[in-house]
Amino acid sequence: MDSAPASPLPNLFTRLGGEAGLTRLIDLQYERLLADDYLGEYFMGVDTDRLKQSLCGFLRRGFGDADASYRGASLQDAHRGQLVTELAFDQFVDMFVAAAREVGVAEADQAEIRAALRAMRASVITEFKPNPAYDYQSKPF
């Protein structure tokens, strides 16, 4: 009896539909982020197209695409001074997983997305530096 070794499961990036699937997911995520009263503040006055492109490159690698090369800032450098709180980080992750659910990503893959994003927590939560584009007088915390 000839038994060939089982081929490995495709990585999360591939299971999400490759670059097209990940881009669709990121587009939905940013749609939600920008509409959110709390998280939207983090993205005021920011080039979201550049951020989406950077996030896609970063997550390709983080979701298992060994051929992807990310040359952007480290997570810590990219979020320095943004006051990414634990609450904001958790809401971002929850929103990303909800977007994945909405586009039909399998539950097991949603769990893998959540775990991969949560592993980045310590590199994202940072100290406070007010966003000059946010009107703190009319929309206080």
N, C-alpha and C. Protein backbone atom coordinates (compact mmCIF):
# COMPACT_ATOMS: atom_id res chain seq x y z
N MET A 1 0.84 -1.17 0.00
CA MET A 1 0.00 0.00 0.00
C MET A 1 0.89 1.24 0.00
N ASP A 2 0.69 2.08 -0.95
CA ASP A 2 1.49 3.29 -1.12
C ASP A 2 0.75 4.46 -0.46
N SER A 3 1.36 5.02 0.56
CA SER A 3 0.71 6.15 1.22
C SER A 3 1.57 7.39 1.07
N ALA A 4 1.06 8.30 0.30
CA ALA A 4 1.76 9.57 0.10
C ALA A 4 1.53 10.45 1.32
N PRO A 5 2.52 11.25 1.67
CA PRO A 5 2.31 12.14 2.82
C PRO A 5 1.18 13.11 2.52
N ALA A 6 0.39 13.39 3.54
CA ALA A 6 -0.72 14.33 3.38
C ALA A 6 -0.15 15.71 3.05
N SER A 7 -0.78 16.35 2.09
CA SER A 7 -0.30 17.69 1.75
C SER A 7 -0.77 18.66 2.84
N PRO A 8 0.07 19.62 3.17
CA PRO A 8 -0.28 20.55 4.24
C PRO A 8 -1.50 21.39 3.84
N LEU A 9 -2.25 21.79 4.84
CA LEU A 9 -3.39 22.66 4.59
C LEU A 9 -2.89 24.00 4.06
N PRO A 10 -3.67 24.62 3.20
CA PRO A 10 -3.25 25.96 2.74
C PRO A 10 -3.18 26.91 3.93
N ASN A 11 -2.30 27.89 3.85
CA ASN A 11 -2.17 28.85 4.94
C ASN A 11 -3.41 29.76 5.00
N LEU A 12 -3.53 30.50 6.08
CA LEU A 12 -4.70 31.36 6.29
C LEU A 12 -4.85 32.37 5.16
N PHE A 13 -3.75 32.95 4.71
CA PHE A 13 -3.81 33.91 3.60
C PHE A 13 -4.47 33.28 2.38
N THR A 14 -4.10 32.08 2.04
CA THR A 14 -4.68 31.37 0.89
C THR A 14 -6.14 31.05 1.14
N ARG A 15 -6.47 30.59 2.35
CA ARG A 15 -7.86 30.25 2.68
C ARG A 15 -8.77 31.47 2.66
N LEU A 16 -8.21 32.65 2.90
CA LEU A 16 -9.01 33.88 2.84
C LEU A 16 -9.26 34.33 1.41
N GLY A 17 -8.64 33.68 0.46
CA GLY A 17 -8.82 34.05 -0.94
C GLY A 17 -7.65 34.81 -1.52
N GLY A 18 -6.50 34.69 -0.88
CA GLY A 18 -5.30 35.36 -1.38
C GLY A 18 -5.42 36.87 -1.24
N GLU A 19 -4.71 37.58 -2.11
CA GLU A 19 -4.68 39.04 -2.01
C GLU A 19 -6.06 39.65 -2.23
N ALA A 20 -6.82 39.11 -3.16
CA ALA A 20 -8.17 39.65 -3.43
C ALA A 20 -9.07 39.49 -2.20
N GLY A 21 -9.03 38.33 -1.58
CA GLY A 21 -9.86 38.09 -0.39
C GLY A 21 -9.43 38.95 0.78
N LEU A 22 -8.13 39.06 1.01
CA LEU A 22 -7.63 39.88 2.11
C LEU A 22 -7.94 41.35 1.86
N THR A 23 -7.79 41.81 0.64
CA THR A 23 -8.11 43.20 0.31
C THR A 23 -9.58 43.49 0.55
N ARG A 24 -10.44 42.58 0.17
CA ARG A 24 -11.88 42.75 0.41
C ARG A 24 -12.16 42.87 1.90
N LEU A 25 -11.53 42.04 2.68
CA LEU A 25 -11.70 42.04 4.13
C LEU A 25 -11.18 43.36 4.74
N ILE A 26 -10.04 43.82 4.30
CA ILE A 26 -9.47 45.07 4.79
C ILE A 26 -10.32 46.26 4.39
N ASP A 27 -10.84 46.26 3.16
CA ASP A 27 -11.73 47.34 2.73
C ASP A 27 -12.96 47.43 3.63
N LEU A 28 -13.56 46.29 3.95
CA LEU A 28 -14.72 46.25 4.83
C LEU A 28 -14.33 46.72 6.23
N GLN A 29 -13.17 46.29 6.70
CA GLN A 29 -12.69 46.71 8.02
C GLN A 29 -12.57 48.23 8.09
N TYR A 30 -11.94 48.83 7.10
CA TYR A 30 -11.76 50.29 7.13
C TYR A 30 -13.07 51.03 6.96
N GLU A 31 -13.99 50.48 6.20
CA GLU A 31 -15.33 51.07 6.09
C GLU A 31 -15.94 51.17 7.49
N ARG A 32 -15.84 50.11 8.25
CA ARG A 32 -16.38 50.07 9.61
C ARG A 32 -15.59 50.97 10.56
N LEU A 33 -14.27 50.93 10.46
CA LEU A 33 -13.44 51.75 11.34
C LEU A 33 -13.76 53.23 11.18
N LEU A 34 -13.85 53.67 9.94
CA LEU A 34 -14.07 55.09 9.68
C LEU A 34 -15.46 55.55 10.13
N ALA A 35 -16.41 54.65 10.17
CA ALA A 35 -17.78 54.98 10.59
C ALA A 35 -17.95 54.87 12.10
N ASP A 36 -16.98 54.29 12.80
CA ASP A 36 -17.10 54.07 14.23
C ASP A 36 -16.71 55.34 14.99
N ASP A 37 -17.58 55.75 15.93
CA ASP A 37 -17.32 56.98 16.68
C ASP A 37 -16.02 56.94 17.48
N TYR A 38 -15.70 55.81 18.05
CA TYR A 38 -14.50 55.69 18.87
C TYR A 38 -13.25 55.42 18.03
N LEU A 39 -13.28 54.38 17.23
CA LEU A 39 -12.09 54.01 16.46
C LEU A 39 -11.83 54.96 15.29
N GLY A 40 -12.86 55.59 14.77
CA GLY A 40 -12.68 56.51 13.65
C GLY A 40 -11.72 57.65 13.97
N GLU A 41 -11.65 58.04 15.25
CA GLU A 41 -10.76 59.12 15.66
C GLU A 41 -9.30 58.81 15.34
N TYR A 42 -8.94 57.56 15.42
CA TYR A 42 -7.56 57.18 15.14
C TYR A 42 -7.16 57.41 13.68
N PHE A 43 -8.15 57.51 12.82
CA PHE A 43 -7.86 57.56 11.38
C PHE A 43 -8.20 58.91 10.75
N MET A 44 -8.54 59.90 11.57
CA MET A 44 -8.84 61.23 11.04
C MET A 44 -7.58 61.86 10.48
N GLY A 45 -7.68 62.41 9.28
CA GLY A 45 -6.55 63.09 8.67
C GLY A 45 -5.43 62.16 8.25
N VAL A 46 -5.74 60.86 8.10
CA VAL A 46 -4.73 59.87 7.75
C VAL A 46 -5.03 59.34 6.34
N ASP A 47 -4.00 59.04 5.59
CA ASP A 47 -4.15 58.46 4.25
C ASP A 47 -4.54 56.98 4.41
N THR A 48 -5.85 56.72 4.41
CA THR A 48 -6.31 55.36 4.66
C THR A 48 -5.97 54.41 3.51
N ASP A 49 -5.86 54.92 2.30
CA ASP A 49 -5.46 54.04 1.20
C ASP A 49 -4.05 53.49 1.45
N ARG A 50 -3.17 54.35 1.93
CA ARG A 50 -1.80 53.92 2.25
C ARG A 50 -1.82 52.93 3.41
N LEU A 51 -2.65 53.20 4.42
CA LEU A 51 -2.75 52.29 5.55
C LEU A 51 -3.28 50.92 5.13
N LYS A 52 -4.30 50.92 4.28
CA LYS A 52 -4.87 49.64 3.82
C LYS A 52 -3.83 48.83 3.05
N GLN A 53 -3.08 49.51 2.21
CA GLN A 53 -2.04 48.83 1.43
C GLN A 53 -0.97 48.26 2.36
N SER A 54 -0.59 49.05 3.35
CA SER A 54 0.42 48.61 4.31
C SER A 54 -0.10 47.44 5.14
N LEU A 55 -1.35 47.53 5.61
CA LEU A 55 -1.94 46.45 6.40
C LEU A 55 -2.02 45.17 5.58
N CYS A 56 -2.38 45.29 4.32
CA CYS A 56 -2.47 44.11 3.47
C CYS A 56 -1.09 43.44 3.36
N GLY A 57 -0.06 44.21 3.13
CA GLY A 57 1.28 43.65 3.04
C GLY A 57 1.71 43.00 4.34
N PHE A 58 1.40 43.66 5.45
CA PHE A 58 1.78 43.13 6.75
C PHE A 58 1.02 41.84 7.06
N LEU A 59 -0.30 41.84 6.82
CA LEU A 59 -1.10 40.67 7.15
C LEU A 59 -0.86 39.50 6.20
N ARG A 60 -0.47 39.78 4.98
CA ARG A 60 -0.11 38.66 4.08
C ARG A 60 0.94 37.80 4.77
N ARG A 61 1.92 38.46 5.29
CA ARG A 61 3.01 37.75 5.98
C ARG A 61 2.50 37.11 7.28
N GLY A 62 1.74 37.88 8.04
CA GLY A 62 1.22 37.40 9.32
C GLY A 62 0.23 36.26 9.18
N PHE A 63 -0.44 36.18 8.04
CA PHE A 63 -1.42 35.12 7.80
C PHE A 63 -0.83 33.98 6.99
N GLY A 64 0.50 33.95 6.85
CA GLY A 64 1.15 32.77 6.33
C GLY A 64 1.67 32.79 4.91
N ASP A 65 1.62 33.93 4.22
CA ASP A 65 2.14 33.99 2.86
C ASP A 65 3.66 34.17 2.93
N ALA A 66 4.37 33.07 2.83
CA ALA A 66 5.83 33.08 2.96
C ALA A 66 6.50 33.88 1.84
N ASP A 67 5.81 34.08 0.72
CA ASP A 67 6.40 34.83 -0.39
C ASP A 67 6.24 36.34 -0.24
N ALA A 68 5.42 36.77 0.71
CA ALA A 68 5.17 38.20 0.89
C ALA A 68 6.38 38.86 1.55
N SER A 69 6.65 40.06 1.12
CA SER A 69 7.72 40.83 1.77
C SER A 69 7.12 42.15 2.23
N TYR A 70 7.21 42.40 3.51
CA TYR A 70 6.71 43.63 4.10
C TYR A 70 7.90 44.49 4.45
N ARG A 71 7.91 45.72 3.93
CA ARG A 71 9.04 46.61 4.16
C ARG A 71 8.63 47.87 4.91
N GLY A 72 7.43 47.86 5.46
CA GLY A 72 6.94 49.03 6.19
C GLY A 72 7.50 49.11 7.60
N ALA A 73 6.98 50.07 8.33
CA ALA A 73 7.40 50.28 9.72
C ALA A 73 7.00 49.10 10.58
N SER A 74 7.72 48.91 11.66
CA SER A 74 7.33 47.89 12.63
C SER A 74 5.99 48.30 13.23
N LEU A 75 5.27 47.35 13.81
CA LEU A 75 4.00 47.69 14.45
C LEU A 75 4.20 48.74 15.53
N GLN A 76 5.24 48.58 16.31
CA GLN A 76 5.49 49.53 17.39
C GLN A 76 5.76 50.93 16.84
N ASP A 77 6.57 51.04 15.81
CA ASP A 77 6.84 52.35 15.22
C ASP A 77 5.61 52.94 14.55
N ALA A 78 4.84 52.11 13.88
CA ALA A 78 3.65 52.59 13.17
C ALA A 78 2.59 53.12 14.12
N HIS A 79 2.54 52.60 15.34
CA HIS A 79 1.49 53.00 16.29
C HIS A 79 1.99 53.92 17.40
N ARG A 80 3.26 54.26 17.36
CA ARG A 80 3.84 55.12 18.40
C ARG A 80 3.09 56.45 18.46
N GLY A 81 2.71 56.84 19.66
CA GLY A 81 2.06 58.13 19.85
C GLY A 81 0.58 58.16 19.49
N GLN A 82 -0.03 57.04 19.21
CA GLN A 82 -1.42 57.01 18.77
C GLN A 82 -2.43 56.71 19.87
N LEU A 83 -1.99 56.47 21.09
CA LEU A 83 -2.85 56.08 22.20
C LEU A 83 -3.77 54.94 21.81
N VAL A 84 -3.18 53.91 21.31
CA VAL A 84 -3.96 52.71 21.04
C VAL A 84 -4.15 52.02 22.39
N THR A 85 -5.37 52.14 22.89
CA THR A 85 -5.69 51.58 24.19
C THR A 85 -6.03 50.10 24.05
N GLU A 86 -6.13 49.42 25.18
CA GLU A 86 -6.55 48.03 25.16
C GLU A 86 -7.95 47.91 24.57
N LEU A 87 -8.84 48.84 24.95
CA LEU A 87 -10.20 48.84 24.42
C LEU A 87 -10.19 49.01 22.90
N ALA A 88 -9.41 49.98 22.41
CA ALA A 88 -9.35 50.22 20.96
C ALA A 88 -8.79 49.00 20.24
N PHE A 89 -7.75 48.41 20.79
CA PHE A 89 -7.16 47.23 20.16
C PHE A 89 -8.18 46.10 20.09
N ASP A 90 -8.85 45.83 21.21
CA ASP A 90 -9.84 44.75 21.25
C ASP A 90 -10.99 45.01 20.28
N GLN A 91 -11.43 46.27 20.19
CA GLN A 91 -12.51 46.60 19.26
C GLN A 91 -12.06 46.41 17.81
N PHE A 92 -10.82 46.78 17.51
CA PHE A 92 -10.29 46.58 16.16
C PHE A 92 -10.32 45.10 15.81
N VAL A 93 -9.83 44.27 16.72
CA VAL A 93 -9.79 42.82 16.48
C VAL A 93 -11.21 42.28 16.31
N ASP A 94 -12.11 42.65 17.22
CA ASP A 94 -13.50 42.18 17.13
C ASP A 94 -14.14 42.61 15.81
N MET A 95 -13.88 43.83 15.39
CA MET A 95 -14.44 44.35 14.15
C MET A 95 -13.87 43.59 12.95
N PHE A 96 -12.58 43.28 13.00
CA PHE A 96 -11.95 42.54 11.90
C PHE A 96 -12.55 41.14 11.78
N VAL A 97 -12.73 40.49 12.92
CA VAL A 97 -13.32 39.15 12.91
C VAL A 97 -14.78 39.20 12.44
N ALA A 98 -15.52 40.23 12.86
CA ALA A 98 -16.91 40.39 12.40
C ALA A 98 -16.95 40.60 10.89
N ALA A 99 -16.01 41.35 10.36
CA ALA A 99 -15.94 41.55 8.90
C ALA A 99 -15.65 40.23 8.21
N ALA A 100 -14.76 39.44 8.80
CA ALA A 100 -14.44 38.12 8.24
C ALA A 100 -15.69 37.24 8.23
N ARG A 101 -16.44 37.28 9.31
CA ARG A 101 -17.68 36.49 9.40
C ARG A 101 -18.66 36.95 8.30
N GLU A 102 -18.75 38.26 8.13
CA GLU A 102 -19.68 38.82 7.14
C GLU A 102 -19.36 38.38 5.72
N VAL A 103 -18.09 38.22 5.40
CA VAL A 103 -17.73 37.81 4.05
C VAL A 103 -17.66 36.29 3.90
N GLY A 104 -18.05 35.56 4.95
CA GLY A 104 -18.17 34.11 4.85
C GLY A 104 -16.95 33.31 5.23
N VAL A 105 -16.03 33.90 5.99
CA VAL A 105 -14.85 33.17 6.44
C VAL A 105 -15.28 32.13 7.47
N ALA A 106 -14.75 30.93 7.35
CA ALA A 106 -15.09 29.81 8.24
C ALA A 106 -14.75 30.16 9.69
N GLU A 107 -15.51 29.59 10.62
CA GLU A 107 -15.31 29.87 12.05
C GLU A 107 -13.89 29.56 12.51
N ALA A 108 -13.35 28.45 12.06
CA ALA A 108 -11.98 28.09 12.46
C ALA A 108 -10.98 29.14 11.96
N ASP A 109 -11.20 29.66 10.77
CA ASP A 109 -10.32 30.70 10.24
C ASP A 109 -10.52 32.03 10.98
N GLN A 110 -11.75 32.30 11.40
CA GLN A 110 -12.01 33.50 12.22
C GLN A 110 -11.21 33.42 13.52
N ALA A 111 -11.20 32.23 14.13
CA ALA A 111 -10.44 32.03 15.36
C ALA A 111 -8.94 32.22 15.11
N GLU A 112 -8.47 31.75 13.96
CA GLU A 112 -7.05 31.91 13.63
C GLU A 112 -6.71 33.38 13.39
N ILE A 113 -7.62 34.10 12.74
CA ILE A 113 -7.43 35.55 12.54
C ILE A 113 -7.33 36.24 13.90
N ARG A 114 -8.27 35.93 14.78
CA ARG A 114 -8.28 36.55 16.12
C ARG A 114 -6.96 36.26 16.85
N ALA A 115 -6.50 35.04 16.81
CA ALA A 115 -5.26 34.67 17.49
C ALA A 115 -4.06 35.40 16.88
N ALA A 116 -4.01 35.49 15.57
CA ALA A 116 -2.89 36.17 14.90
C ALA A 116 -2.87 37.65 15.25
N LEU A 117 -4.04 38.28 15.26
CA LEU A 117 -4.10 39.71 15.59
C LEU A 117 -3.79 39.94 17.07
N ARG A 118 -4.31 39.11 17.93
CA ARG A 118 -4.04 39.27 19.37
C ARG A 118 -2.57 39.10 19.70
N ALA A 119 -1.87 38.30 18.92
CA ALA A 119 -0.43 38.11 19.15
C ALA A 119 0.35 39.41 18.92
N MET A 120 -0.27 40.37 18.26
CA MET A 120 0.38 41.65 17.96
C MET A 120 0.12 42.71 19.03
N ARG A 121 -0.69 42.37 20.02
CA ARG A 121 -1.17 43.31 21.03
C ARG A 121 -0.07 44.16 21.67
N ALA A 122 0.96 43.56 22.18
CA ALA A 122 2.01 44.29 22.89
C ALA A 122 2.75 45.28 22.00
N SER A 123 2.76 45.03 20.71
CA SER A 123 3.45 45.93 19.77
C SER A 123 2.58 47.09 19.32
N VAL A 124 1.29 47.02 19.57
CA VAL A 124 0.35 48.03 19.07
C VAL A 124 -0.09 49.01 20.16
N ILE A 125 -0.32 48.52 21.36
CA ILE A 125 -0.80 49.39 22.43
C ILE A 125 0.34 50.33 22.81
N THR A 126 0.05 51.65 22.76
CA THR A 126 1.10 52.65 22.88
C THR A 126 0.71 53.78 23.84
N GLU A 127 1.56 54.77 23.89
CA GLU A 127 1.34 55.92 24.75
C GLU A 127 0.51 56.99 24.04
N PHE A 128 0.13 58.03 24.76
CA PHE A 128 -0.77 59.05 24.25
C PHE A 128 -0.05 60.19 23.52
N LYS A 129 -0.60 60.54 22.38
CA LYS A 129 -0.23 61.75 21.65
C LYS A 129 -1.50 62.16 20.91
N PRO A 130 -2.10 63.30 21.26
CA PRO A 130 -3.37 63.68 20.63
C PRO A 130 -3.26 63.79 19.11
N ASN A 131 -4.33 63.37 18.44
CA ASN A 131 -4.42 63.52 16.99
C ASN A 131 -4.88 64.95 16.71
N PRO A 132 -4.09 65.77 16.01
CA PRO A 132 -4.47 67.16 15.78
C PRO A 132 -5.74 67.31 14.93
N ALA A 133 -6.13 66.28 14.21
CA ALA A 133 -7.32 66.37 13.37
C ALA A 133 -8.61 66.14 14.17
N TYR A 134 -8.49 65.68 15.41
CA TYR A 134 -9.67 65.36 16.22
C TYR A 134 -10.10 66.56 17.03
N ASP A 135 -11.39 66.87 17.04
CA ASP A 135 -11.94 67.99 17.79
C ASP A 135 -12.32 67.53 19.19
N TYR A 136 -11.39 67.64 20.12
CA TYR A 136 -11.60 67.17 21.48
C TYR A 136 -12.64 68.00 22.23
N GLN A 137 -12.86 69.24 21.80
CA GLN A 137 -13.83 70.10 22.48
C GLN A 137 -15.27 69.65 22.21
N SER A 138 -15.56 69.31 20.95
CA SER A 138 -16.95 68.94 20.62
C SER A 138 -17.22 67.45 20.82
N LYS A 139 -16.18 66.63 20.83
CA LYS A 139 -16.34 65.18 21.02
C LYS A 139 -15.38 64.69 22.09
N PRO A 140 -15.62 65.08 23.34
CA PRO A 140 -14.70 64.62 24.38
C PRO A 140 -14.80 63.13 24.58
N PHE A 141 -13.80 62.58 25.21
CA PHE A 141 -13.79 61.14 25.49
C PHE A 141 -15.00 60.86 26.32
